[in-house]
């Protein structure tokens, strides 16, 4: 079982790390999200895409342990895991504001926008993979 986890991390680390590094540098070094609030939308879109990518690869790599998984199920798992990640991210932002006074959450509209764009990124990725890899 550890082999498929290691393989998944090797194949997908760059996507998730790239989004997190971009966010950290843009937010903490350049204060880009304060100067350009719209930048939050593509960041969440790409974050949803990255989580969907990694979770789908995990399902594919787990095939020796769990068996072959239909493409539709892979797509649904990718969207579901990205949804859970987006919800957890927003919850952690809320806790950061509550206990660390970080002022990350800018209201319900911002939170819903973040969730929407994260899910949109995951859905676009899943649809792309489904169309590209479905049997002809």
Protein backbone atom coordinates (compact mmCIF):
# COMPACT_ATOMS: atom_id res chain seq x y z
CA UNK A 1 0.00 0.00 0.00
CA UNK A 2 2.81 2.42 0.73
CA UNK A 3 4.15 2.02 -2.81
CA UNK A 4 1.09 3.65 -4.42
CA UNK A 5 1.17 6.51 -1.93
CA UNK A 6 4.87 7.12 -2.63
CA UNK A 7 4.27 6.94 -6.37
CA UNK A 8 1.39 9.40 -6.14
CA UNK A 9 3.45 11.87 -4.14
CA UNK A 10 6.32 11.60 -6.64
CA UNK A 11 3.94 12.23 -9.55
CA UNK A 12 1.87 15.06 -8.08
CA UNK A 13 3.89 16.97 -5.47
CA UNK A 14 4.78 19.72 -7.94
CA UNK A 15 1.15 20.67 -8.58
CA UNK A 16 0.12 21.15 -4.96
CA UNK A 17 3.47 22.62 -3.90
CA UNK A 18 3.38 25.02 -6.85
CA UNK A 19 -0.01 26.42 -5.84
CA UNK A 20 0.99 26.74 -2.18
CA UNK A 21 4.33 28.38 -2.99
CA UNK A 22 2.68 30.79 -5.42
CA UNK A 23 0.05 31.69 -2.81
CA UNK A 24 2.62 32.17 -0.03
CA UNK A 25 4.95 34.35 -2.12
CA UNK A 26 2.13 36.37 -3.65
CA UNK A 27 0.39 36.90 -0.30
CA UNK A 28 3.29 37.30 2.11
CA UNK A 29 6.03 38.82 -0.04
CA UNK A 30 4.15 40.95 -2.56
CA UNK A 31 0.80 41.43 -0.75
CA UNK A 32 -0.72 40.72 -4.16
CA UNK A 33 -4.10 39.62 -2.81
CA UNK A 34 -4.59 42.98 -1.09
CA UNK A 35 -3.64 44.94 -4.20
CA UNK A 36 -5.39 42.60 -6.67
CA UNK A 37 -8.28 40.81 -4.91
CA UNK A 38 -9.31 39.11 -8.19
CA UNK A 39 -6.10 37.03 -7.97
CA UNK A 40 -7.83 34.88 -5.35
CA UNK A 41 -10.15 33.38 -7.99
CA UNK A 42 -7.55 31.83 -10.31
CA UNK A 43 -5.55 30.67 -7.30
CA UNK A 44 -8.51 28.70 -5.96
CA UNK A 45 -9.30 27.40 -9.45
CA UNK A 46 -5.76 26.06 -9.88
CA UNK A 47 -5.79 24.75 -6.32
CA UNK A 48 -8.94 22.75 -7.05
CA UNK A 49 -7.34 21.47 -10.25
CA UNK A 50 -4.18 20.41 -8.37
CA UNK A 51 -6.08 18.55 -5.64
CA UNK A 52 -8.27 16.79 -8.23
CA UNK A 53 -5.16 15.85 -10.21
CA UNK A 54 -3.43 14.39 -7.15
CA UNK A 55 -6.47 12.51 -5.89
CA UNK A 56 -7.21 10.98 -9.29
CA UNK A 57 -3.59 9.86 -9.62
CA UNK A 58 -3.91 8.28 -6.15
CA UNK A 59 -6.93 6.27 -7.30
CA UNK A 60 -5.13 5.20 -10.49
CA UNK A 61 -1.97 4.25 -8.59
CA UNK A 62 -3.97 2.27 -6.02
CA UNK A 63 -5.31 -0.07 -8.73
CA UNK A 64 -3.07 -2.99 -7.64
CA UNK A 65 -4.55 -2.74 -4.13
CA UNK A 66 -8.19 -1.83 -4.86
CA UNK A 67 -8.65 -3.04 -8.41
CA UNK A 68 -9.46 -1.15 -11.57
CA UNK A 69 -11.71 1.86 -11.04
CA UNK A 70 -14.03 3.18 -13.76
CA UNK A 71 -13.12 6.57 -15.20
CA UNK A 72 -16.38 8.11 -13.98
CA UNK A 73 -15.62 7.01 -10.42
CA UNK A 74 -12.09 8.43 -10.70
CA UNK A 75 -13.57 11.76 -11.79
CA UNK A 76 -16.12 11.80 -8.97
CA UNK A 77 -13.46 10.95 -6.38
CA UNK A 78 -11.25 13.75 -7.73
CA UNK A 79 -14.07 16.30 -7.41
CA UNK A 80 -15.07 14.99 -3.98
CA UNK A 81 -11.57 15.14 -2.54
CA UNK A 82 -11.09 18.64 -3.96
CA UNK A 83 -14.39 19.68 -2.36
CA UNK A 84 -13.25 18.35 1.02
CA UNK A 85 -9.90 20.11 0.64
CA UNK A 86 -11.60 23.40 -0.23
CA UNK A 87 -13.95 23.16 2.76
CA UNK A 88 -11.04 22.36 5.08
CA UNK A 89 -8.99 25.26 3.69
CA UNK A 90 -11.84 27.71 4.32
CA UNK A 91 -12.38 26.29 7.80
CA UNK A 92 -8.68 26.74 8.58
CA UNK A 93 -8.87 30.33 7.31
CA UNK A 94 -11.77 30.92 9.69
CA UNK A 95 -9.85 29.44 12.63
CA UNK A 96 -6.81 31.53 11.70
CA UNK A 97 -8.95 34.65 11.81
CA UNK A 98 -10.60 33.62 15.05
CA UNK A 99 -7.49 32.69 17.01
CA UNK A 100 -4.60 34.43 15.23
CA UNK A 101 -6.48 37.57 14.12
CA UNK A 102 -5.11 37.11 10.59
CA UNK A 103 -8.07 38.63 8.66
CA UNK A 104 -7.91 36.10 5.85
CA UNK A 105 -11.67 35.62 5.55
CA UNK A 106 -13.31 38.61 3.92
CA UNK A 107 -16.90 37.52 4.46
CA UNK A 108 -19.37 34.94 3.24
CA UNK A 109 -19.15 36.10 -0.37
CA UNK A 110 -15.38 35.57 -0.38
CA UNK A 111 -15.72 32.14 1.20
CA UNK A 112 -18.40 31.05 -1.28
CA UNK A 113 -16.35 32.43 -4.17
CA UNK A 114 -13.30 30.48 -2.95
CA UNK A 115 -15.33 27.27 -2.72
CA UNK A 116 -16.93 27.86 -6.12
CA UNK A 117 -13.63 28.42 -7.93
CA UNK A 118 -11.95 25.48 -6.19
CA UNK A 119 -14.79 23.19 -7.24
CA UNK A 120 -14.83 24.68 -10.72
CA UNK A 121 -11.11 23.91 -11.13
CA UNK A 122 -11.66 20.33 -9.94
CA UNK A 123 -14.67 19.87 -12.21
CA UNK A 124 -12.88 21.25 -15.26
CA UNK A 125 -9.97 18.88 -14.59
CA UNK A 126 -12.27 15.89 -14.11
CA UNK A 127 -14.24 16.69 -17.28
CA UNK A 128 -11.04 17.12 -19.26
CA UNK A 129 -9.71 13.75 -18.09
CA UNK A 130 -13.06 12.07 -18.69
CA UNK A 131 -13.31 13.40 -22.25
CA UNK A 132 -9.65 12.70 -23.03
CA UNK A 133 -9.47 9.16 -21.66
CA UNK A 134 -12.95 7.73 -22.14
CA UNK A 135 -13.22 4.74 -24.43
CA UNK A 136 -14.15 5.62 -28.00
